[in-house]
Amino acid sequence: MNATIRELLAEHGGLPVAVETLADDADLYEAGLTSFASVQVMLALEEHFDIEFPETMLNRKSFASIGSITACVSTLCGGQEAAQ
C-alpha cells in the first residue's frame, strides 16, 4: 500500500522533490505539497482504492506525511493492506 501511495503522490502531488527521497514521517507540506495538490492526491487515492475520505479526515494532519496518508487509507480499506 505504501508503494502505491508513493506512486500516486509522485504523480499527483506536484512535489519539487522526489517522493522516494522522503521518509514516511517527512512533512509533505514542508516538502512542497500545496492544499490544491493534497486534494488531487486525495481524489487519486479515492479512485485507486475505491474509498471515500470522510469529512473527519479532510484536514492537513491526514495528508501531512506518507505515514499519515497510509494510516488513513488503511483505516478506510478496513485495516487491510490493499494488494493494489
PDB file of N, CA and C in Angstrom:
ATOM      1  N   MET A   1       0.830  -1.186   0.000  1.00  0.00           N
ATOM      2  CA  MET A   1       0.000   0.000   0.000  1.00  0.00           C
ATOM      3  C   MET A   1       0.879   1.256   0.000  1.00  0.00           C
ATOM      4  N   ASN A   2       1.928   1.235   0.803  1.00  0.00           N
ATOM      5  CA  ASN A   2       2.815   2.399   0.897  1.00  0.00           C
ATOM      6  C   ASN A   2       3.414   2.747  -0.466  1.00  0.00           C
ATOM      7  N   ALA A   3       3.821   1.731  -1.211  1.00  0.00           N
ATOM      8  CA  ALA A   3       4.418   1.971  -2.534  1.00  0.00           C
ATOM      9  C   ALA A   3       3.407   2.600  -3.481  1.00  0.00           C
ATOM     10  N   THR A   4       2.171   2.142  -3.431  1.00  0.00           N
ATOM     11  CA  THR A   4       1.121   2.708  -4.284  1.00  0.00           C
ATOM     12  C   THR A   4       0.845   4.147  -3.908  1.00  0.00           C
ATOM     13  N   ILE A   5       0.791   4.426  -2.616  1.00  0.00           N
ATOM     14  CA  ILE A   5       0.561   5.795  -2.153  1.00  0.00           C
ATOM     15  C   ILE A   5       1.702   6.700  -2.613  1.00  0.00           C
ATOM     16  N   ARG A   6       2.921   6.211  -2.538  1.00  0.00           N
ATOM     17  CA  ARG A   6       4.065   6.986  -3.011  1.00  0.00           C
ATOM     18  C   ARG A   6       3.962   7.256  -4.513  1.00  0.00           C
ATOM     19  N   GLU A   7       3.529   6.260  -5.285  1.00  0.00           N
ATOM     20  CA  GLU A   7       3.364   6.454  -6.733  1.00  0.00           C
ATOM     21  C   GLU A   7       2.311   7.515  -7.027  1.00  0.00           C
ATOM     22  N   LEU A   8       1.175   7.435  -6.335  1.00  0.00           N
ATOM     23  CA  LEU A   8       0.105   8.411  -6.551  1.00  0.00           C
ATOM     24  C   LEU A   8       0.537   9.809  -6.102  1.00  0.00           C
ATOM     25  N   LEU A   9       1.282   9.876  -5.015  1.00  0.00           N
ATOM     26  CA  LEU A   9       1.798  11.150  -4.535  1.00  0.00           C
ATOM     27  C   LEU A   9       2.773  11.748  -5.546  1.00  0.00           C
ATOM     28  N   ALA A  10       3.624  10.915  -6.106  1.00  0.00           N
ATOM     29  CA  ALA A  10       4.577  11.387  -7.116  1.00  0.00           C
ATOM     30  C   ALA A  10       3.847  11.896  -8.353  1.00  0.00           C
ATOM     31  N   GLU A  11       2.782  11.208  -8.734  1.00  0.00           N
ATOM     32  CA  GLU A  11       2.040  11.567  -9.943  1.00  0.00           C
ATOM     33  C   GLU A  11       1.148  12.790  -9.761  1.00  0.00           C
ATOM     34  N   HIS A  12       0.548  12.932  -8.591  1.00  0.00           N
ATOM     35  CA  HIS A  12      -0.459  13.974  -8.391  1.00  0.00           C
ATOM     36  C   HIS A  12      -0.065  15.058  -7.387  1.00  0.00           C
ATOM     37  N   GLY A  13       1.029  14.852  -6.662  1.00  0.00           N
ATOM     38  CA  GLY A  13       1.388  15.777  -5.589  1.00  0.00           C
ATOM     39  C   GLY A  13       2.140  17.016  -6.019  1.00  0.00           C
ATOM     40  N   GLY A  14       2.742  16.978  -7.203  1.00  0.00           N
ATOM     41  CA  GLY A  14       3.480  18.141  -7.690  1.00  0.00           C
ATOM     42  C   GLY A  14       4.629  18.566  -6.792  1.00  0.00           C
ATOM     43  N   LEU A  15       5.222  17.615  -6.102  1.00  0.00           N
ATOM     44  CA  LEU A  15       6.316  17.950  -5.183  1.00  0.00           C
ATOM     45  C   LEU A  15       7.594  18.286  -5.955  1.00  0.00           C
ATOM     46  N   PRO A  16       8.344  19.273  -5.473  1.00  0.00           N
ATOM     47  CA  PRO A  16       9.598  19.624  -6.130  1.00  0.00           C
ATOM     48  C   PRO A  16      10.749  18.680  -5.783  1.00  0.00           C
ATOM     49  N   VAL A  17      10.482  17.700  -4.921  1.00  0.00           N
ATOM     50  CA  VAL A  17      11.487  16.703  -4.543  1.00  0.00           C
ATOM     51  C   VAL A  17      10.968  15.326  -4.923  1.00  0.00           C
ATOM     52  N   ALA A  18      11.877  14.392  -5.122  1.00  0.00           N
ATOM     53  CA  ALA A  18      11.489  13.026  -5.462  1.00  0.00           C
ATOM     54  C   ALA A  18      10.839  12.355  -4.247  1.00  0.00           C
ATOM     55  N   VAL A  19       9.686  11.770  -4.450  1.00  0.00           N
ATOM     56  CA  VAL A  19       8.948  11.134  -3.362  1.00  0.00           C
ATOM     57  C   VAL A  19       9.770  10.030  -2.710  1.00  0.00           C
ATOM     58  N   GLU A  20      10.572   9.312  -3.510  1.00  0.00           N
ATOM     59  CA  GLU A  20      11.355   8.212  -2.938  1.00  0.00           C
ATOM     60  C   GLU A  20      12.433   8.692  -1.968  1.00  0.00           C
ATOM     61  N   THR A  21      12.735   9.981  -1.967  1.00  0.00           N
ATOM     62  CA  THR A  21      13.725  10.512  -1.029  1.00  0.00           C
ATOM     63  C   THR A  21      13.106  10.895   0.314  1.00  0.00           C
ATOM     64  N   LEU A  22      11.794  10.835   0.410  1.00  0.00           N
ATOM     65  CA  LEU A  22      11.099  11.259   1.624  1.00  0.00           C
ATOM     66  C   LEU A  22      10.854  10.081   2.559  1.00  0.00           C
ATOM     67  N   ALA A  23      11.119  10.303   3.826  1.00  0.00           N
ATOM     68  CA  ALA A  23      10.796   9.303   4.845  1.00  0.00           C
ATOM     69  C   ALA A  23       9.285   9.276   5.042  1.00  0.00           C
ATOM     70  N   ASP A  24       8.775   8.190   5.582  1.00  0.00           N
ATOM     71  CA  ASP A  24       7.333   8.087   5.804  1.00  0.00           C
ATOM     72  C   ASP A  24       6.802   9.171   6.733  1.00  0.00           C
ATOM     73  N   ASP A  25       7.648   9.668   7.627  1.00  0.00           N
ATOM     74  CA  ASP A  25       7.196  10.700   8.560  1.00  0.00           C
ATOM     75  C   ASP A  25       7.608  12.116   8.164  1.00  0.00           C
ATOM     76  N   ALA A  26       8.165  12.283   6.967  1.00  0.00           N
ATOM     77  CA  ALA A  26       8.563  13.620   6.496  1.00  0.00           C
ATOM     78  C   ALA A  26       7.323  14.483   6.289  1.00  0.00           C
ATOM     79  N   ASP A  27       7.424  15.744   6.648  1.00  0.00           N
ATOM     80  CA  ASP A  27       6.324  16.691   6.482  1.00  0.00           C
ATOM     81  C   ASP A  27       6.167  17.029   5.003  1.00  0.00           C
ATOM     82  N   LEU A  28       5.075  16.571   4.406  1.00  0.00           N
ATOM     83  CA  LEU A  28       4.858  16.791   2.974  1.00  0.00           C
ATOM     84  C   LEU A  28       4.622  18.263   2.642  1.00  0.00           C
ATOM     85  N   TYR A  29       4.048  19.007   3.563  1.00  0.00           N
ATOM     86  CA  TYR A  29       3.823  20.432   3.309  1.00  0.00           C
ATOM     87  C   TYR A  29       5.147  21.189   3.294  1.00  0.00           C
ATOM     88  N   GLU A  30       6.071  20.799   4.168  1.00  0.00           N
ATOM     89  CA  GLU A  30       7.409  21.398   4.137  1.00  0.00           C
ATOM     90  C   GLU A  30       8.156  20.994   2.874  1.00  0.00           C
ATOM     91  N   ALA A  31       7.828  19.814   2.347  1.00  0.00           N
ATOM     92  CA  ALA A  31       8.467  19.330   1.116  1.00  0.00           C
ATOM     93  C   ALA A  31       7.865  19.979  -0.135  1.00  0.00           C
ATOM     94  N   GLY A  32       6.783  20.753   0.034  1.00  0.00           N
ATOM     95  CA  GLY A  32       6.216  21.483  -1.098  1.00  0.00           C
ATOM     96  C   GLY A  32       4.802  21.113  -1.503  1.00  0.00           C
ATOM     97  N   LEU A  33       4.151  20.232  -0.751  1.00  0.00           N
ATOM     98  CA  LEU A  33       2.772  19.876  -1.075  1.00  0.00           C
ATOM     99  C   LEU A  33       1.860  21.074  -0.808  1.00  0.00           C
ATOM    100  N   THR A  34       1.048  21.423  -1.790  1.00  0.00           N
ATOM    101  CA  THR A  34       0.092  22.529  -1.625  1.00  0.00           C
ATOM    102  C   THR A  34      -1.270  21.966  -1.249  1.00  0.00           C
ATOM    103  N   SER A  35      -2.153  22.825  -0.798  1.00  0.00           N
ATOM    104  CA  SER A  35      -3.513  22.400  -0.469  1.00  0.00           C
ATOM    105  C   SER A  35      -4.209  21.847  -1.704  1.00  0.00           C
ATOM    106  N   PHE A  36      -4.027  22.507  -2.830  1.00  0.00           N
ATOM    107  CA  PHE A  36      -4.629  22.039  -4.076  1.00  0.00           C
ATOM    108  C   PHE A  36      -4.109  20.649  -4.435  1.00  0.00           C
ATOM    109  N   ALA A  37      -2.806  20.453  -4.325  1.00  0.00           N
ATOM    110  CA  ALA A  37      -2.208  19.163  -4.658  1.00  0.00           C
ATOM    111  C   ALA A  37      -2.684  18.075  -3.701  1.00  0.00           C
ATOM    112  N   SER A  38      -2.885  18.417  -2.436  1.00  0.00           N
ATOM    113  CA  SER A  38      -3.367  17.408  -1.490  1.00  0.00           C
ATOM    114  C   SER A  38      -4.762  16.920  -1.880  1.00  0.00           C
ATOM    115  N   VAL A  39      -5.579  17.817  -2.421  1.00  0.00           N
ATOM    116  CA  VAL A  39      -6.905  17.416  -2.906  1.00  0.00           C
ATOM    117  C   VAL A  39      -6.761  16.492  -4.115  1.00  0.00           C
ATOM    118  N   GLN A  40      -5.833  16.802  -5.005  1.00  0.00           N
ATOM    119  CA  GLN A  40      -5.594  15.947  -6.169  1.00  0.00           C
ATOM    120  C   GLN A  40      -5.123  14.558  -5.737  1.00  0.00           C
ATOM    121  N   VAL A  41      -4.256  14.507  -4.749  1.00  0.00           N
ATOM    122  CA  VAL A  41      -3.775  13.231  -4.218  1.00  0.00           C
ATOM    123  C   VAL A  41      -4.942  12.467  -3.592  1.00  0.00           C
ATOM    124  N   MET A  42      -5.770  13.160  -2.818  1.00  0.00           N
ATOM    125  CA  MET A  42      -6.919  12.523  -2.186  1.00  0.00           C
ATOM    126  C   MET A  42      -7.845  11.905  -3.232  1.00  0.00           C
ATOM    127  N   LEU A  43      -8.132  12.639  -4.289  1.00  0.00           N
ATOM    128  CA  LEU A  43      -9.007  12.121  -5.344  1.00  0.00           C
ATOM    129  C   LEU A  43      -8.398  10.901  -6.024  1.00  0.00           C
ATOM    130  N   ALA A  44      -7.092  10.938  -6.251  1.00  0.00           N
ATOM    131  CA  ALA A  44      -6.414   9.791  -6.861  1.00  0.00           C
ATOM    132  C   ALA A  44      -6.468   8.577  -5.940  1.00  0.00           C
ATOM    133  N   LEU A  45      -6.288   8.795  -4.643  1.00  0.00           N
ATOM    134  CA  LEU A  45      -6.369   7.711  -3.668  1.00  0.00           C
ATOM    135  C   LEU A  45      -7.775   7.120  -3.638  1.00  0.00           C
ATOM    136  N   GLU A  46      -8.777   7.984  -3.627  1.00  0.00           N
ATOM    137  CA  GLU A  46     -10.157   7.511  -3.603  1.00  0.00           C
ATOM    138  C   GLU A  46     -10.457   6.645  -4.831  1.00  0.00           C
ATOM    139  N   GLU A  47     -10.012   7.104  -5.969  1.00  0.00           N
ATOM    140  CA  GLU A  47     -10.260   6.351  -7.195  1.00  0.00           C
ATOM    141  C   GLU A  47      -9.515   5.014  -7.192  1.00  0.00           C
ATOM    142  N   HIS A  48      -8.238   5.071  -6.839  1.00  0.00           N
ATOM    143  CA  HIS A  48      -7.420   3.852  -6.893  1.00  0.00           C
ATOM    144  C   HIS A  48      -7.898   2.791  -5.906  1.00  0.00           C
ATOM    145  N   PHE A  49      -8.161   3.195  -4.673  1.00  0.00           N
ATOM    146  CA  PHE A  49      -8.518   2.239  -3.626  1.00  0.00           C
ATOM    147  C   PHE A  49     -10.035   2.048  -3.476  1.00  0.00           C
ATOM    148  N   ASP A  50     -10.827   2.759  -4.283  1.00  0.00           N
ATOM    149  CA  ASP A  50     -12.288   2.693  -4.233  1.00  0.00           C
ATOM    150  C   ASP A  50     -12.797   2.973  -2.819  1.00  0.00           C
ATOM    151  N   ILE A  51     -12.357   4.110  -2.297  1.00  0.00           N
ATOM    152  CA  ILE A  51     -12.726   4.552  -0.960  1.00  0.00           C
ATOM    153  C   ILE A  51     -13.231   5.983  -1.047  1.00  0.00           C
ATOM    154  N   GLU A  52     -13.776   6.480   0.053  1.00  0.00           N
ATOM    155  CA  GLU A  52     -14.155   7.889   0.140  1.00  0.00           C
ATOM    156  C   GLU A  52     -13.704   8.417   1.491  1.00  0.00           C
ATOM    157  N   PHE A  53     -12.931   9.478   1.462  1.00  0.00           N
ATOM    158  CA  PHE A  53     -12.466  10.087   2.705  1.00  0.00           C
ATOM    159  C   PHE A  53     -13.639  10.776   3.390  1.00  0.00           C
ATOM    160  N   PRO A  54     -13.901  10.432   4.649  1.00  0.00           N
ATOM    161  CA  PRO A  54     -14.979  11.114   5.371  1.00  0.00           C
ATOM    162  C   PRO A  54     -14.538  12.531   5.752  1.00  0.00           C
ATOM    163  N   GLU A  55     -15.503  13.331   6.064  1.00  0.00           N
ATOM    164  CA  GLU A  55     -15.231  14.725   6.411  1.00  0.00           C
ATOM    165  C   GLU A  55     -14.232  14.846   7.564  1.00  0.00           C
ATOM    166  N   THR A  56     -14.254  13.894   8.486  1.00  0.00           N
ATOM    167  CA  THR A  56     -13.349  13.948   9.642  1.00  0.00           C
ATOM    168  C   THR A  56     -11.877  13.785   9.249  1.00  0.00           C
ATOM    169  N   MET A  57     -11.626  13.213   8.060  1.00  0.00           N
ATOM    170  CA  MET A  57     -10.245  13.033   7.600  1.00  0.00           C
ATOM    171  C   MET A  57      -9.806  14.121   6.619  1.00  0.00           C
ATOM    172  N   LEU A  58     -10.674  15.051   6.325  1.00  0.00           N
ATOM    173  CA  LEU A  58     -10.332  16.102   5.370  1.00  0.00           C
ATOM    174  C   LEU A  58      -9.651  17.258   6.099  1.00  0.00           C
ATOM    175  N   ASN A  59      -8.400  17.030   6.465  1.00  0.00           N
ATOM    176  CA  ASN A  59      -7.620  18.044   7.165  1.00  0.00           C
ATOM    177  C   ASN A  59      -6.139  17.880   6.836  1.00  0.00           C
ATOM    178  N   ARG A  60      -5.364  18.893   7.189  1.00  0.00           N
ATOM    179  CA  ARG A  60      -3.922  18.872   6.893  1.00  0.00           C
ATOM    180  C   ARG A  60      -3.216  17.700   7.556  1.00  0.00           C
ATOM    181  N   LYS A  61      -3.645  17.354   8.751  1.00  0.00           N
ATOM    182  CA  LYS A  61      -2.992  16.281   9.504  1.00  0.00           C
ATOM    183  C   LYS A  61      -3.063  14.953   8.749  1.00  0.00           C
ATOM    184  N   SER A  62      -4.183  14.673   8.083  1.00  0.00           N
ATOM    185  CA  SER A  62      -4.349  13.416   7.362  1.00  0.00           C
ATOM    186  C   SER A  62      -3.377  13.282   6.196  1.00  0.00           C
ATOM    187  N   PHE A  63      -2.959  14.425   5.632  1.00  0.00           N
ATOM    188  CA  PHE A  63      -2.085  14.413   4.464  1.00  0.00           C
ATOM    189  C   PHE A  63      -0.707  15.003   4.756  1.00  0.00           C
ATOM    190  N   ALA A  64      -0.356  15.075   6.041  1.00  0.00           N
ATOM    191  CA  ALA A  64       0.896  15.703   6.445  1.00  0.00           C
ATOM    192  C   ALA A  64       2.124  14.861   6.146  1.00  0.00           C
ATOM    193  N   SER A  65       1.947  13.548   6.029  1.00  0.00           N
ATOM    194  CA  SER A  65       3.081  12.666   5.754  1.00  0.00           C
ATOM    195  C   SER A  65       2.589  11.422   5.018  1.00  0.00           C
ATOM    196  N   ILE A  66       3.512  10.704   4.451  1.00  0.00           N
ATOM    197  CA  ILE A  66       3.161   9.451   3.778  1.00  0.00           C
ATOM    198  C   ILE A  66       2.606   8.470   4.805  1.00  0.00           C
ATOM    199  N   GLY A  67       3.169   8.474   5.989  1.00  0.00           N
ATOM    200  CA  GLY A  67       2.683   7.596   7.050  1.00  0.00           C
ATOM    201  C   GLY A  67       1.252   7.904   7.448  1.00  0.00           C
ATOM    202  N   SER A  68       0.912   9.185   7.552  1.00  0.00           N
ATOM    203  CA  SER A  68      -0.456   9.544   7.933  1.00  0.00           C
ATOM    204  C   SER A  68      -1.442   9.211   6.812  1.00  0.00           C
ATOM    205  N   ILE A  69      -1.034   9.395   5.574  1.00  0.00           N
ATOM    206  CA  ILE A  69      -1.893   9.016   4.446  1.00  0.00           C
ATOM    207  C   ILE A  69      -2.110   7.505   4.458  1.00  0.00           C
ATOM    208  N   THR A  70      -1.037   6.749   4.666  1.00  0.00           N
ATOM    209  CA  THR A  70      -1.134   5.288   4.711  1.00  0.00           C
ATOM    210  C   THR A  70      -2.075   4.844   5.821  1.00  0.00           C
ATOM    211  N   ALA A  71      -1.985   5.475   6.988  1.00  0.00           N
ATOM    212  CA  ALA A  71      -2.870   5.126   8.102  1.00  0.00           C
ATOM    213  C   ALA A  71      -4.328   5.395   7.745  1.00  0.00           C
ATOM    214  N   CYS A  72      -4.599   6.528   7.117  1.00  0.00           N
ATOM    215  CA  CYS A  72      -5.973   6.860   6.721  1.00  0.00           C
ATOM    216  C   CYS A  72      -6.505   5.861   5.704  1.00  0.00           C
ATOM    217  N   VAL A  73      -5.716   5.594   4.676  1.00  0.00           N
ATOM    218  CA  VAL A  73      -6.153   4.669   3.632  1.00  0.00           C
ATOM    219  C   VAL A  73      -6.348   3.273   4.202  1.00  0.00           C
ATOM    220  N   SER A  74      -5.462   2.838   5.069  1.00  0.00           N
ATOM    221  CA  SER A  74      -5.582   1.531   5.695  1.00  0.00           C
ATOM    222  C   SER A  74      -6.877   1.438   6.499  1.00  0.00           C
ATOM    223  N   THR A  75      -7.188   2.478   7.249  1.00  0.00           N
ATOM    224  CA  THR A  75      -8.429   2.520   8.021  1.00  0.00           C
ATOM    225  C   THR A  75      -9.634   2.425   7.100  1.00  0.00           C
ATOM    226  N   LEU A  76      -9.608   3.181   6.013  1.00  0.00           N
ATOM    227  CA  LEU A  76     -10.735   3.196   5.090  1.00  0.00           C
ATOM    228  C   LEU A  76     -10.867   1.900   4.291  1.00  0.00           C
ATOM    229  N   CYS A  77      -9.779   1.170   4.180  1.00  0.00           N
ATOM    230  CA  CYS A  77      -9.811  -0.128   3.489  1.00  0.00           C
ATOM    231  C   CYS A  77     -10.104  -1.256   4.461  1.00  0.00           C
ATOM    232  N   GLY A  78     -10.555  -0.918   5.638  1.00  0.00           N
ATOM    233  CA  GLY A  78     -10.887  -1.943   6.630  1.00  0.00           C
ATOM    234  C   GLY A  78      -9.704  -2.465   7.404  1.00  0.00           C
ATOM    235  N   GLY A  79      -8.607  -1.690   7.408  1.00  0.00           N
ATOM    236  CA  GLY A  79      -7.424  -2.089   8.151  1.00  0.00           C
ATOM    237  C   GLY A  79      -6.575  -3.112   7.453  1.00  0.00           C
ATOM    238  N   GLN A  80      -6.953  -3.463   6.237  1.00  0.00           N
ATOM    239  CA  GLN A  80      -6.198  -4.457   5.486  1.00  0.00           C
ATOM    240  C   GLN A  80      -5.278  -3.771   4.507  1.00  0.00           C
ATOM    241  N   GLU A  81      -4.117  -4.333   4.304  1.00  0.00           N
ATOM    242  CA  GLU A  81      -3.200  -3.848   3.267  1.00  0.00           C
ATOM    243  C   GLU A  81      -3.824  -4.192   1.930  1.00  0.00           C
ATOM    244  N   ALA A  82      -4.101  -3.172   1.129  1.00  0.00           N
ATOM    245  CA  ALA A  82      -4.657  -3.426  -0.207  1.00  0.00           C
ATOM    246  C   ALA A  82      -3.570  -3.983  -1.101  1.00  0.00           C
ATOM    247  N   ALA A  83      -3.927  -4.947  -1.882  1.00  0.00           N
ATOM    248  CA  ALA A  83      -2.963  -5.589  -2.780  1.00  0.00           C
ATOM    249  C   ALA A  83      -2.842  -4.841  -4.103  1.00  0.00           C
ATOM    250  N   GLN A  84      -3.307  -3.629  -4.111  1.00  0.00           N
ATOM    251  CA  GLN A  84      -3.306  -2.844  -5.347  1.00  0.00           C
ATOM    252  C   GLN A  84      -2.020  -2.072  -5.475  1.00  0.00           C
TER     253      GLN A  84
END
